[in-house]
Every structure is written in structure tokens, then in C-alpha cells.
């Protein structure tokens, strides 16, 4: 059971890291054709597009990544907390 808990926790943490990288990339100049950057965009775009439909950009600022990050934290709480209660 600990392996499942650890795997899910690590998966959430890795995706949070990738989402933060995507947010940082929106502020810096980068090569959009770089394989690493394309990979980050391909992993995060389906998730972020959900929030972009709900929260439109306000001027030049896109608040959807912030909402997506908070929603990911809430989802992690709903998934990981029951596992912790089940294990302990």
C-alpha cells in the first residue's frame, strides 16, 4: 500500500514541477522548438485548456495556470488523504 501512496504522491509532485516550469516559461524568452519545452507544453496544455475555457485571459495576464495549480493541489488532497487514512 505504501508503494501506491508513494507513486501517486511522486506523480503529483512531478506534474506540479512541470506546471511550474510551464508558468516560468511564459515569462522568459525560449525556443518553442526545443524538445524539452515542447514536451512540457504537450504535458500541460490539455490540463490548462480546461481552465482557459473557464477563466479567460484578462489583458496580457493569464490566470488559468494559477487556478490549475490550486485545483491540482485540491485534487491531490482528495486522492492522497484517503490513501493515508487507509494505510494508517
N, C-alpha and C. Protein backbone atom coordinates (compact mmCIF):
# COMPACT_ATOMS: atom_id res chain seq x y z
N UNK A 1 0.82 -1.19 0.00
CA UNK A 1 0.00 0.00 0.00
C UNK A 1 0.87 1.26 0.00
N UNK A 2 2.03 1.18 0.68
CA UNK A 2 2.91 2.34 0.71
C UNK A 2 3.44 2.68 -0.69
N UNK A 3 3.63 1.66 -1.51
CA UNK A 3 4.14 1.89 -2.86
C UNK A 3 3.13 2.68 -3.68
N UNK A 4 1.86 2.36 -3.54
CA UNK A 4 0.82 3.09 -4.27
C UNK A 4 0.77 4.54 -3.82
N UNK A 5 0.81 4.73 -2.51
CA UNK A 5 0.80 6.09 -1.95
C UNK A 5 2.00 6.89 -2.46
N UNK A 6 3.18 6.28 -2.40
CA UNK A 6 4.40 6.97 -2.86
C UNK A 6 4.34 7.28 -4.35
N UNK A 7 3.86 6.34 -5.14
CA UNK A 7 3.78 6.56 -6.59
C UNK A 7 2.83 7.70 -6.93
N UNK A 8 1.69 7.74 -6.27
CA UNK A 8 0.72 8.81 -6.54
C UNK A 8 1.26 10.15 -6.06
N UNK A 9 1.88 10.18 -4.90
CA UNK A 9 2.46 11.42 -4.38
C UNK A 9 3.56 11.95 -5.29
N UNK A 10 4.41 11.07 -5.75
CA UNK A 10 5.50 11.48 -6.65
C UNK A 10 4.93 11.98 -7.98
N UNK A 11 3.92 11.31 -8.49
CA UNK A 11 3.30 11.73 -9.75
C UNK A 11 2.73 13.14 -9.63
N UNK A 12 2.05 13.42 -8.53
CA UNK A 12 1.51 14.77 -8.32
C UNK A 12 2.64 15.79 -8.22
N UNK A 13 3.69 15.46 -7.49
CA UNK A 13 4.80 16.40 -7.32
C UNK A 13 5.52 16.66 -8.65
N UNK A 14 5.72 15.65 -9.44
CA UNK A 14 6.37 15.82 -10.74
C UNK A 14 5.51 16.70 -11.64
N UNK A 15 4.20 16.45 -11.66
CA UNK A 15 3.33 17.26 -12.51
C UNK A 15 3.28 18.70 -12.03
N UNK A 16 3.32 18.92 -10.72
CA UNK A 16 3.39 20.29 -10.19
C UNK A 16 4.66 20.97 -10.66
N UNK A 17 5.78 20.26 -10.61
CA UNK A 17 7.04 20.81 -11.07
C UNK A 17 6.97 21.18 -12.55
N UNK A 18 6.38 20.32 -13.36
CA UNK A 18 6.24 20.59 -14.79
C UNK A 18 5.32 21.78 -15.02
N UNK A 19 4.26 21.88 -14.23
CA UNK A 19 3.34 23.02 -14.34
C UNK A 19 4.03 24.33 -13.94
N UNK A 20 4.86 24.29 -12.92
CA UNK A 20 5.62 25.48 -12.52
C UNK A 20 6.60 25.85 -13.62
N UNK A 21 7.24 24.86 -14.23
CA UNK A 21 8.15 25.14 -15.34
C UNK A 21 7.41 25.81 -16.48
N UNK A 22 6.20 25.37 -16.75
CA UNK A 22 5.38 25.98 -17.82
C UNK A 22 5.05 27.43 -17.47
N UNK A 23 4.73 27.69 -16.22
CA UNK A 23 4.42 29.06 -15.79
C UNK A 23 5.65 29.95 -15.95
N UNK A 24 6.82 29.45 -15.54
CA UNK A 24 8.05 30.22 -15.66
C UNK A 24 8.39 30.46 -17.13
N UNK A 25 8.17 29.47 -17.97
CA UNK A 25 8.45 29.63 -19.40
C UNK A 25 7.60 30.72 -20.04
N UNK A 26 6.43 30.98 -19.48
CA UNK A 26 5.60 32.03 -20.05
C UNK A 26 6.17 33.42 -19.79
N UNK A 27 7.11 33.53 -18.84
CA UNK A 27 7.70 34.82 -18.52
C UNK A 27 9.07 35.05 -19.15
N UNK A 28 9.70 33.99 -19.65
CA UNK A 28 11.04 34.13 -20.23
C UNK A 28 11.01 33.79 -21.71
N UNK A 29 11.99 34.33 -22.42
CA UNK A 29 12.11 34.03 -23.84
C UNK A 29 12.72 32.65 -23.99
N UNK A 30 12.09 31.82 -24.82
CA UNK A 30 12.58 30.46 -25.01
C UNK A 30 12.36 30.01 -26.45
N UNK A 31 13.03 28.94 -26.79
CA UNK A 31 12.89 28.36 -28.12
C UNK A 31 11.73 27.37 -28.10
N UNK A 32 10.61 27.69 -28.74
CA UNK A 32 9.45 26.79 -28.68
C UNK A 32 9.66 25.47 -29.42
N UNK A 33 10.73 25.35 -30.18
CA UNK A 33 11.00 24.13 -30.92
C UNK A 33 11.95 23.19 -30.18
N UNK A 34 12.40 23.59 -29.02
CA UNK A 34 13.25 22.73 -28.22
C UNK A 34 12.43 21.50 -27.76
N UNK A 35 13.01 20.30 -27.85
CA UNK A 35 12.25 19.11 -27.47
C UNK A 35 11.76 19.12 -26.03
N UNK A 36 12.55 19.63 -25.13
CA UNK A 36 12.15 19.67 -23.71
C UNK A 36 10.97 20.61 -23.52
N UNK A 37 11.04 21.78 -24.13
CA UNK A 37 9.97 22.76 -23.99
C UNK A 37 8.70 22.25 -24.67
N UNK A 38 8.84 21.63 -25.82
CA UNK A 38 7.66 21.05 -26.48
C UNK A 38 7.04 19.97 -25.62
N UNK A 39 7.85 19.17 -24.96
CA UNK A 39 7.36 18.12 -24.07
C UNK A 39 6.58 18.73 -22.90
N UNK A 40 7.12 19.79 -22.32
CA UNK A 40 6.43 20.46 -21.21
C UNK A 40 5.08 21.00 -21.68
N UNK A 41 5.06 21.62 -22.85
CA UNK A 41 3.81 22.15 -23.38
C UNK A 41 2.81 21.04 -23.69
N UNK A 42 3.29 19.92 -24.23
CA UNK A 42 2.39 18.81 -24.56
C UNK A 42 1.81 18.16 -23.32
N UNK A 43 2.56 18.15 -22.23
CA UNK A 43 2.06 17.56 -20.99
C UNK A 43 1.07 18.47 -20.27
N UNK A 44 1.27 19.76 -20.36
CA UNK A 44 0.45 20.67 -19.57
C UNK A 44 -0.72 21.28 -20.32
N UNK A 45 -0.65 21.34 -21.62
CA UNK A 45 -1.70 22.02 -22.40
C UNK A 45 -3.09 21.39 -22.24
N UNK A 46 -3.23 20.07 -22.26
CA UNK A 46 -4.59 19.52 -22.07
C UNK A 46 -5.20 19.91 -20.73
N UNK A 47 -4.40 19.91 -19.68
CA UNK A 47 -4.90 20.29 -18.36
C UNK A 47 -5.21 21.78 -18.28
N UNK A 48 -4.32 22.60 -18.82
CA UNK A 48 -4.53 24.05 -18.76
C UNK A 48 -5.68 24.50 -19.65
N UNK A 49 -5.93 23.79 -20.73
CA UNK A 49 -7.02 24.20 -21.63
C UNK A 49 -8.38 24.11 -20.94
N UNK A 50 -8.52 23.21 -19.99
CA UNK A 50 -9.76 23.13 -19.21
C UNK A 50 -10.00 24.45 -18.48
N UNK A 51 -8.98 24.99 -17.88
CA UNK A 51 -9.11 26.21 -17.11
C UNK A 51 -9.18 27.45 -18.00
N UNK A 52 -8.59 27.39 -19.16
CA UNK A 52 -8.68 28.53 -20.09
C UNK A 52 -10.09 28.72 -20.61
N UNK A 53 -10.85 27.63 -20.72
CA UNK A 53 -12.24 27.75 -21.14
C UNK A 53 -13.09 28.41 -20.06
N UNK A 54 -12.71 28.21 -18.80
CA UNK A 54 -13.47 28.76 -17.68
C UNK A 54 -13.02 30.18 -17.35
N UNK A 55 -11.70 30.40 -17.34
CA UNK A 55 -11.12 31.69 -16.96
C UNK A 55 -10.44 32.30 -18.18
N UNK A 56 -11.07 33.25 -18.83
CA UNK A 56 -10.42 33.87 -19.99
C UNK A 56 -9.28 34.79 -19.55
N UNK A 57 -8.29 35.01 -20.42
CA UNK A 57 -7.19 35.92 -20.07
C UNK A 57 -7.71 37.34 -19.84
N UNK A 58 -7.14 38.01 -18.86
CA UNK A 58 -7.51 39.39 -18.56
C UNK A 58 -6.37 40.28 -19.01
N UNK A 59 -6.53 40.88 -20.16
CA UNK A 59 -5.45 41.69 -20.72
C UNK A 59 -4.33 40.78 -21.16
N UNK A 60 -3.15 41.04 -20.64
CA UNK A 60 -1.98 40.22 -21.01
C UNK A 60 -1.70 39.15 -19.95
N UNK A 61 -2.54 39.06 -18.94
CA UNK A 61 -2.30 38.11 -17.85
C UNK A 61 -3.26 36.94 -17.96
N UNK A 62 -2.71 35.74 -17.90
CA UNK A 62 -3.49 34.51 -17.96
C UNK A 62 -3.49 33.89 -16.56
N UNK A 63 -4.65 33.90 -15.92
CA UNK A 63 -4.76 33.37 -14.57
C UNK A 63 -5.06 31.87 -14.54
N UNK A 64 -5.26 31.26 -15.69
CA UNK A 64 -5.61 29.84 -15.71
C UNK A 64 -4.53 28.93 -15.13
N UNK A 65 -3.23 29.18 -15.32
CA UNK A 65 -2.24 28.31 -14.68
C UNK A 65 -2.28 28.36 -13.16
N UNK A 66 -2.61 29.52 -12.62
CA UNK A 66 -2.71 29.63 -11.16
C UNK A 66 -3.88 28.81 -10.66
N UNK A 67 -5.02 28.95 -11.32
CA UNK A 67 -6.20 28.17 -10.95
C UNK A 67 -5.94 26.67 -11.13
N UNK A 68 -5.24 26.31 -12.19
CA UNK A 68 -4.92 24.90 -12.45
C UNK A 68 -4.01 24.35 -11.36
N UNK A 69 -3.07 25.15 -10.91
CA UNK A 69 -2.15 24.70 -9.86
C UNK A 69 -2.92 24.47 -8.55
N UNK A 70 -3.80 25.40 -8.19
CA UNK A 70 -4.60 25.23 -6.97
C UNK A 70 -5.55 24.04 -7.09
N UNK A 71 -6.14 23.84 -8.25
CA UNK A 71 -7.03 22.69 -8.46
C UNK A 71 -6.25 21.39 -8.35
N UNK A 72 -5.02 21.37 -8.84
CA UNK A 72 -4.18 20.18 -8.72
C UNK A 72 -3.87 19.87 -7.26
N UNK A 73 -3.62 20.90 -6.47
CA UNK A 73 -3.38 20.70 -5.04
C UNK A 73 -4.62 20.14 -4.35
N UNK A 74 -5.78 20.65 -4.70
CA UNK A 74 -7.03 20.15 -4.11
C UNK A 74 -7.27 18.70 -4.53
N UNK A 75 -7.03 18.40 -5.80
CA UNK A 75 -7.19 17.04 -6.29
C UNK A 75 -6.22 16.09 -5.58
N UNK A 76 -5.01 16.53 -5.37
CA UNK A 76 -4.04 15.71 -4.65
C UNK A 76 -4.53 15.44 -3.23
N UNK A 77 -5.07 16.46 -2.59
CA UNK A 77 -5.60 16.31 -1.24
C UNK A 77 -6.72 15.29 -1.20
N UNK A 78 -7.60 15.32 -2.19
CA UNK A 78 -8.73 14.38 -2.24
C UNK A 78 -8.30 12.97 -2.56
N UNK A 79 -7.20 12.81 -3.28
CA UNK A 79 -6.74 11.48 -3.67
C UNK A 79 -5.79 10.90 -2.61
N UNK A 80 -4.84 11.70 -2.15
CA UNK A 80 -3.81 11.19 -1.26
C UNK A 80 -4.32 11.03 0.17
N UNK A 81 -5.13 11.94 0.66
CA UNK A 81 -5.61 11.85 2.03
C UNK A 81 -6.39 10.57 2.31
N UNK A 82 -7.30 10.14 1.44
CA UNK A 82 -7.95 8.86 1.70
C UNK A 82 -6.98 7.68 1.72
N UNK A 83 -5.92 7.74 0.90
CA UNK A 83 -4.92 6.69 0.92
C UNK A 83 -4.16 6.67 2.25
N UNK A 84 -3.87 7.85 2.77
CA UNK A 84 -3.17 7.93 4.05
C UNK A 84 -4.05 7.35 5.15
N UNK A 85 -5.33 7.67 5.13
CA UNK A 85 -6.25 7.13 6.13
C UNK A 85 -6.38 5.62 5.98
N UNK A 86 -6.34 5.14 4.75
CA UNK A 86 -6.45 3.70 4.51
C UNK A 86 -5.21 2.96 5.01
N UNK A 87 -4.05 3.57 4.82
CA UNK A 87 -2.79 2.92 5.21
C UNK A 87 -2.63 2.95 6.71
N UNK A 88 -2.87 4.08 7.32
CA UNK A 88 -2.63 4.21 8.76
C UNK A 88 -3.95 3.99 9.45
